[in-house]
């Protein structure tokens, strides 16, 4: 995620990530790599975004 954000950022040199933002990226990456956070395939993510909706 950090690499994508950094690449996107290179198109606009007017913004730089703060140390806190970089720390957050690293914490999220470590959580993902250690299995503490759940990851989703594209299909799972798409289903969560536009898929089954409950109107209860």
PDB file of N, CA and C in Angstrom:
ATOM      1  N   UNK A   1       0.825  -1.181   0.000  1.00  0.00           N
ATOM      2  CA  UNK A   1       0.000   0.000   0.000  1.00  0.00           C
ATOM      3  C   UNK A   1       0.875   1.254   0.000  1.00  0.00           C
ATOM      4  N   UNK A   2       1.917   1.195   0.807  1.00  0.00           N
ATOM      5  CA  UNK A   2       2.821   2.336   0.897  1.00  0.00           C
ATOM      6  C   UNK A   2       3.459   2.630  -0.449  1.00  0.00           C
ATOM      7  N   UNK A   3       3.872   1.575  -1.166  1.00  0.00           N
ATOM      8  CA  UNK A   3       4.511   1.754  -2.474  1.00  0.00           C
ATOM      9  C   UNK A   3       3.557   2.394  -3.469  1.00  0.00           C
ATOM     10  N   UNK A   4       2.298   1.982  -3.443  1.00  0.00           N
ATOM     11  CA  UNK A   4       1.294   2.571  -4.335  1.00  0.00           C
ATOM     12  C   UNK A   4       1.090   4.035  -3.993  1.00  0.00           C
ATOM     13  N   UNK A   5       0.946   4.317  -2.713  1.00  0.00           N
ATOM     14  CA  UNK A   5       0.749   5.703  -2.287  1.00  0.00           C
ATOM     15  C   UNK A   5       1.949   6.564  -2.652  1.00  0.00           C
ATOM     16  N   UNK A   6       3.155   6.018  -2.480  1.00  0.00           N
ATOM     17  CA  UNK A   6       4.365   6.773  -2.808  1.00  0.00           C
ATOM     18  C   UNK A   6       4.426   7.053  -4.301  1.00  0.00           C
ATOM     19  N   UNK A   7       4.092   6.046  -5.119  1.00  0.00           N
ATOM     20  CA  UNK A   7       4.107   6.242  -6.570  1.00  0.00           C
ATOM     21  C   UNK A   7       3.084   7.292  -6.976  1.00  0.00           C
ATOM     22  N   UNK A   8       1.890   7.215  -6.410  1.00  0.00           N
ATOM     23  CA  UNK A   8       0.857   8.208  -6.698  1.00  0.00           C
ATOM     24  C   UNK A   8       1.343   9.587  -6.281  1.00  0.00           C
ATOM     25  N   UNK A   9       2.005   9.653  -5.154  1.00  0.00           N
ATOM     26  CA  UNK A   9       2.506  10.906  -4.613  1.00  0.00           C
ATOM     27  C   UNK A   9       3.556  11.536  -5.530  1.00  0.00           C
ATOM     28  N   UNK A  10       4.334  10.725  -6.250  1.00  0.00           N
ATOM     29  CA  UNK A  10       5.378  11.246  -7.116  1.00  0.00           C
ATOM     30  C   UNK A  10       4.820  12.090  -8.250  1.00  0.00           C
ATOM     31  N   UNK A  11       3.560  11.887  -8.605  1.00  0.00           N
ATOM     32  CA  UNK A  11       2.934  12.686  -9.654  1.00  0.00           C
ATOM     33  C   UNK A  11       2.662  14.111  -9.177  1.00  0.00           C
ATOM     34  N   UNK A  12       2.600  14.300  -7.876  1.00  0.00           N
ATOM     35  CA  UNK A  12       2.322  15.609  -7.293  1.00  0.00           C
ATOM     36  C   UNK A  12       3.334  15.848  -6.171  1.00  0.00           C
ATOM     37  N   UNK A  13       4.359  16.596  -6.483  1.00  0.00           N
ATOM     38  CA  UNK A  13       5.440  16.815  -5.522  1.00  0.00           C
ATOM     39  C   UNK A  13       5.065  17.749  -4.382  1.00  0.00           C
ATOM     40  N   UNK A  14       3.836  18.225  -4.332  1.00  0.00           N
ATOM     41  CA  UNK A  14       3.459  19.194  -3.304  1.00  0.00           C
ATOM     42  C   UNK A  14       3.115  18.539  -1.964  1.00  0.00           C
ATOM     43  N   UNK A  15       3.088  17.204  -1.894  1.00  0.00           N
ATOM     44  CA  UNK A  15       2.738  16.530  -0.647  1.00  0.00           C
ATOM     45  C   UNK A  15       3.800  15.506  -0.279  1.00  0.00           C
ATOM     46  N   UNK A  16       4.157  15.492   0.982  1.00  0.00           N
ATOM     47  CA  UNK A  16       5.066  14.471   1.485  1.00  0.00           C
ATOM     48  C   UNK A  16       4.411  13.785   2.666  1.00  0.00           C
ATOM     49  N   UNK A  17       4.622  12.481   2.780  1.00  0.00           N
ATOM     50  CA  UNK A  17       4.061  11.742   3.901  1.00  0.00           C
ATOM     51  C   UNK A  17       4.746  12.165   5.191  1.00  0.00           C
ATOM     52  N   UNK A  18       3.949  12.287   6.226  1.00  0.00           N
ATOM     53  CA  UNK A  18       4.500  12.618   7.530  1.00  0.00           C
ATOM     54  C   UNK A  18       5.094  11.365   8.154  1.00  0.00           C
ATOM     55  N   UNK A  19       5.916  11.545   9.163  1.00  0.00           N
ATOM     56  CA  UNK A  19       6.474  10.399   9.880  1.00  0.00           C
ATOM     57  C   UNK A  19       5.354   9.545  10.473  1.00  0.00           C
ATOM     58  N   UNK A  20       4.293  10.183  10.945  1.00  0.00           N
ATOM     59  CA  UNK A  20       3.155   9.454  11.522  1.00  0.00           C
ATOM     60  C   UNK A  20       2.451   8.604  10.468  1.00  0.00           C
ATOM     61  N   UNK A  21       2.276   9.135   9.249  1.00  0.00           N
ATOM     62  CA  UNK A  21       1.650   8.366   8.172  1.00  0.00           C
ATOM     63  C   UNK A  21       2.516   7.161   7.795  1.00  0.00           C
ATOM     64  N   UNK A  22       3.813   7.359   7.701  1.00  0.00           N
ATOM     65  CA  UNK A  22       4.718   6.259   7.381  1.00  0.00           C
ATOM     66  C   UNK A  22       4.672   5.208   8.476  1.00  0.00           C
ATOM     67  N   UNK A  23       4.627   5.649   9.734  1.00  0.00           N
ATOM     68  CA  UNK A  23       4.529   4.722  10.858  1.00  0.00           C
ATOM     69  C   UNK A  23       3.239   3.894  10.746  1.00  0.00           C
ATOM     70  N   UNK A  24       2.125   4.538  10.388  1.00  0.00           N
ATOM     71  CA  UNK A  24       0.846   3.844  10.229  1.00  0.00           C
ATOM     72  C   UNK A  24       0.928   2.818   9.108  1.00  0.00           C
ATOM     73  N   UNK A  25       1.532   3.187   7.974  1.00  0.00           N
ATOM     74  CA  UNK A  25       1.719   2.236   6.873  1.00  0.00           C
ATOM     75  C   UNK A  25       2.488   1.014   7.360  1.00  0.00           C
ATOM     76  N   UNK A  26       3.571   1.247   8.085  1.00  0.00           N
ATOM     77  CA  UNK A  26       4.409   0.148   8.557  1.00  0.00           C
ATOM     78  C   UNK A  26       3.674  -0.736   9.562  1.00  0.00           C
ATOM     79  N   UNK A  27       2.886  -0.129  10.455  1.00  0.00           N
ATOM     80  CA  UNK A  27       2.114  -0.908  11.431  1.00  0.00           C
ATOM     81  C   UNK A  27       1.081  -1.780  10.737  1.00  0.00           C
ATOM     82  N   UNK A  28       0.406  -1.228   9.750  1.00  0.00           N
ATOM     83  CA  UNK A  28      -0.593  -1.996   9.011  1.00  0.00           C
ATOM     84  C   UNK A  28       0.058  -3.135   8.234  1.00  0.00           C
ATOM     85  N   UNK A  29       1.205  -2.875   7.647  1.00  0.00           N
ATOM     86  CA  UNK A  29       1.930  -3.917   6.915  1.00  0.00           C
ATOM     87  C   UNK A  29       2.338  -5.035   7.868  1.00  0.00           C
ATOM     88  N   UNK A  30       2.885  -4.684   9.011  1.00  0.00           N
ATOM     89  CA  UNK A  30       3.305  -5.686   9.984  1.00  0.00           C
ATOM     90  C   UNK A  30       2.122  -6.517  10.476  1.00  0.00           C
ATOM     91  N   UNK A  31       0.970  -5.874  10.683  1.00  0.00           N
ATOM     92  CA  UNK A  31      -0.240  -6.602  11.099  1.00  0.00           C
ATOM     93  C   UNK A  31      -0.669  -7.599  10.037  1.00  0.00           C
ATOM     94  N   UNK A  32      -0.580  -7.170   8.789  1.00  0.00           N
ATOM     95  CA  UNK A  32      -0.962  -8.061   7.681  1.00  0.00           C
ATOM     96  C   UNK A  32       0.000  -9.226   7.580  1.00  0.00           C
ATOM     97  N   UNK A  33       1.281  -8.947   7.640  1.00  0.00           N
ATOM     98  CA  UNK A  33       2.278 -10.001   7.498  1.00  0.00           C
ATOM     99  C   UNK A  33       2.261 -10.986   8.661  1.00  0.00           C
ATOM    100  N   UNK A  34       1.906 -10.518   9.849  1.00  0.00           N
ATOM    101  CA  UNK A  34       1.883 -11.394  11.018  1.00  0.00           C
ATOM    102  C   UNK A  34       0.572 -12.161  11.145  1.00  0.00           C
ATOM    103  N   UNK A  35      -0.408 -11.817  10.310  1.00  0.00           N
ATOM    104  CA  UNK A  35      -1.692 -12.494  10.360  1.00  0.00           C
ATOM    105  C   UNK A  35      -2.673 -11.885  11.351  1.00  0.00           C
ATOM    106  N   UNK A  36      -2.305 -10.768  11.969  1.00  0.00           N
ATOM    107  CA  UNK A  36      -3.196 -10.118  12.933  1.00  0.00           C
ATOM    108  C   UNK A  36      -4.381  -9.440  12.254  1.00  0.00           C
ATOM    109  N   UNK A  37      -4.193  -9.010  11.019  1.00  0.00           N
ATOM    110  CA  UNK A  37      -5.297  -8.378  10.302  1.00  0.00           C
ATOM    111  C   UNK A  37      -5.731  -9.280   9.155  1.00  0.00           C
ATOM    112  N   UNK A  38      -6.994  -9.198   8.809  1.00  0.00           N
ATOM    113  CA  UNK A  38      -7.562 -10.024   7.749  1.00  0.00           C
ATOM    114  C   UNK A  38      -7.295  -9.364   6.411  1.00  0.00           C
ATOM    115  N   UNK A  39      -6.931 -10.167   5.445  1.00  0.00           N
ATOM    116  CA  UNK A  39      -6.795  -9.665   4.081  1.00  0.00           C
ATOM    117  C   UNK A  39      -7.873 -10.305   3.225  1.00  0.00           C
ATOM    118  N   UNK A  40      -8.205  -9.650   2.136  1.00  0.00           N
ATOM    119  CA  UNK A  40      -9.272 -10.114   1.259  1.00  0.00           C
ATOM    120  C   UNK A  40      -8.770 -10.183  -0.175  1.00  0.00           C
ATOM    121  N   UNK A  41      -9.272 -11.153  -0.911  1.00  0.00           N
ATOM    122  CA  UNK A  41      -9.010 -11.205  -2.344  1.00  0.00           C
ATOM    123  C   UNK A  41      -9.823 -10.086  -2.991  1.00  0.00           C
ATOM    124  N   UNK A  42      -9.527  -9.801  -4.257  1.00  0.00           N
ATOM    125  CA  UNK A  42     -10.293  -8.771  -4.953  1.00  0.00           C
ATOM    126  C   UNK A  42     -11.772  -9.143  -4.984  1.00  0.00           C
ATOM    127  N   UNK A  43     -12.062 -10.409  -5.225  1.00  0.00           N
ATOM    128  CA  UNK A  43     -13.457 -10.853  -5.293  1.00  0.00           C
ATOM    129  C   UNK A  43     -14.158 -10.647  -3.940  1.00  0.00           C
ATOM    130  N   UNK A  44     -13.494 -10.995  -2.847  1.00  0.00           N
ATOM    131  CA  UNK A  44     -14.073 -10.804  -1.508  1.00  0.00           C
ATOM    132  C   UNK A  44     -14.298  -9.326  -1.209  1.00  0.00           C
ATOM    133  N   UNK A  45     -13.317  -8.499  -1.577  1.00  0.00           N
ATOM    134  CA  UNK A  45     -13.447  -7.057  -1.330  1.00  0.00           C
ATOM    135  C   UNK A  45     -14.602  -6.477  -2.136  1.00  0.00           C
ATOM    136  N   UNK A  46     -14.685  -6.876  -3.399  1.00  0.00           N
ATOM    137  CA  UNK A  46     -15.757  -6.384  -4.268  1.00  0.00           C
ATOM    138  C   UNK A  46     -17.119  -6.779  -3.700  1.00  0.00           C
ATOM    139  N   UNK A  47     -17.228  -8.015  -3.225  1.00  0.00           N
ATOM    140  CA  UNK A  47     -18.492  -8.473  -2.660  1.00  0.00           C
ATOM    141  C   UNK A  47     -18.845  -7.661  -1.412  1.00  0.00           C
ATOM    142  N   UNK A  48     -17.857  -7.364  -0.595  1.00  0.00           N
ATOM    143  CA  UNK A  48     -18.115  -6.559   0.599  1.00  0.00           C
ATOM    144  C   UNK A  48     -18.570  -5.146   0.230  1.00  0.00           C
ATOM    145  N   UNK A  49     -18.012  -4.599  -0.853  1.00  0.00           N
ATOM    146  CA  UNK A  49     -18.329  -3.223  -1.257  1.00  0.00           C
ATOM    147  C   UNK A  49     -19.683  -3.132  -1.952  1.00  0.00           C
ATOM    148  N   UNK A  50     -19.913  -3.992  -2.940  1.00  0.00           N
ATOM    149  CA  UNK A  50     -21.143  -3.862  -3.735  1.00  0.00           C
ATOM    150  C   UNK A  50     -22.042  -5.092  -3.662  1.00  0.00           C
ATOM    151  N   UNK A  51     -21.605  -6.083  -2.913  1.00  0.00           N
ATOM    152  CA  UNK A  51     -22.312  -7.362  -2.869  1.00  0.00           C
ATOM    153  C   UNK A  51     -23.561  -7.337  -2.030  1.00  0.00           C
ATOM    154  N   UNK A  52     -23.771  -8.406  -1.350  1.00  0.00           N
ATOM    155  CA  UNK A  52     -24.971  -8.631  -0.560  1.00  0.00           C
ATOM    156  C   UNK A  52     -25.120  -7.545   0.494  1.00  0.00           C
ATOM    157  N   UNK A  53     -26.317  -6.950   0.506  1.00  0.00           N
ATOM    158  CA  UNK A  53     -26.604  -5.907   1.480  1.00  0.00           C
ATOM    159  C   UNK A  53     -27.849  -6.294   2.265  1.00  0.00           C
ATOM    160  N   UNK A  54     -27.790  -6.070   3.534  1.00  0.00           N
ATOM    161  CA  UNK A  54     -28.932  -6.381   4.385  1.00  0.00           C
ATOM    162  C   UNK A  54     -29.640  -5.098   4.767  1.00  0.00           C
ATOM    163  N   UNK A  55     -30.945  -5.091   4.656  1.00  0.00           N
ATOM    164  CA  UNK A  55     -31.734  -3.913   4.999  1.00  0.00           C
ATOM    165  C   UNK A  55     -32.632  -4.182   6.187  1.00  0.00           C
ATOM    166  N   UNK A  56     -32.127  -4.903   7.175  1.00  0.00           N
ATOM    167  CA  UNK A  56     -32.907  -5.236   8.381  1.00  0.00           C
ATOM    168  C   UNK A  56     -32.985  -4.077   9.322  1.00  0.00           C
TER     169      UNK A  56
END
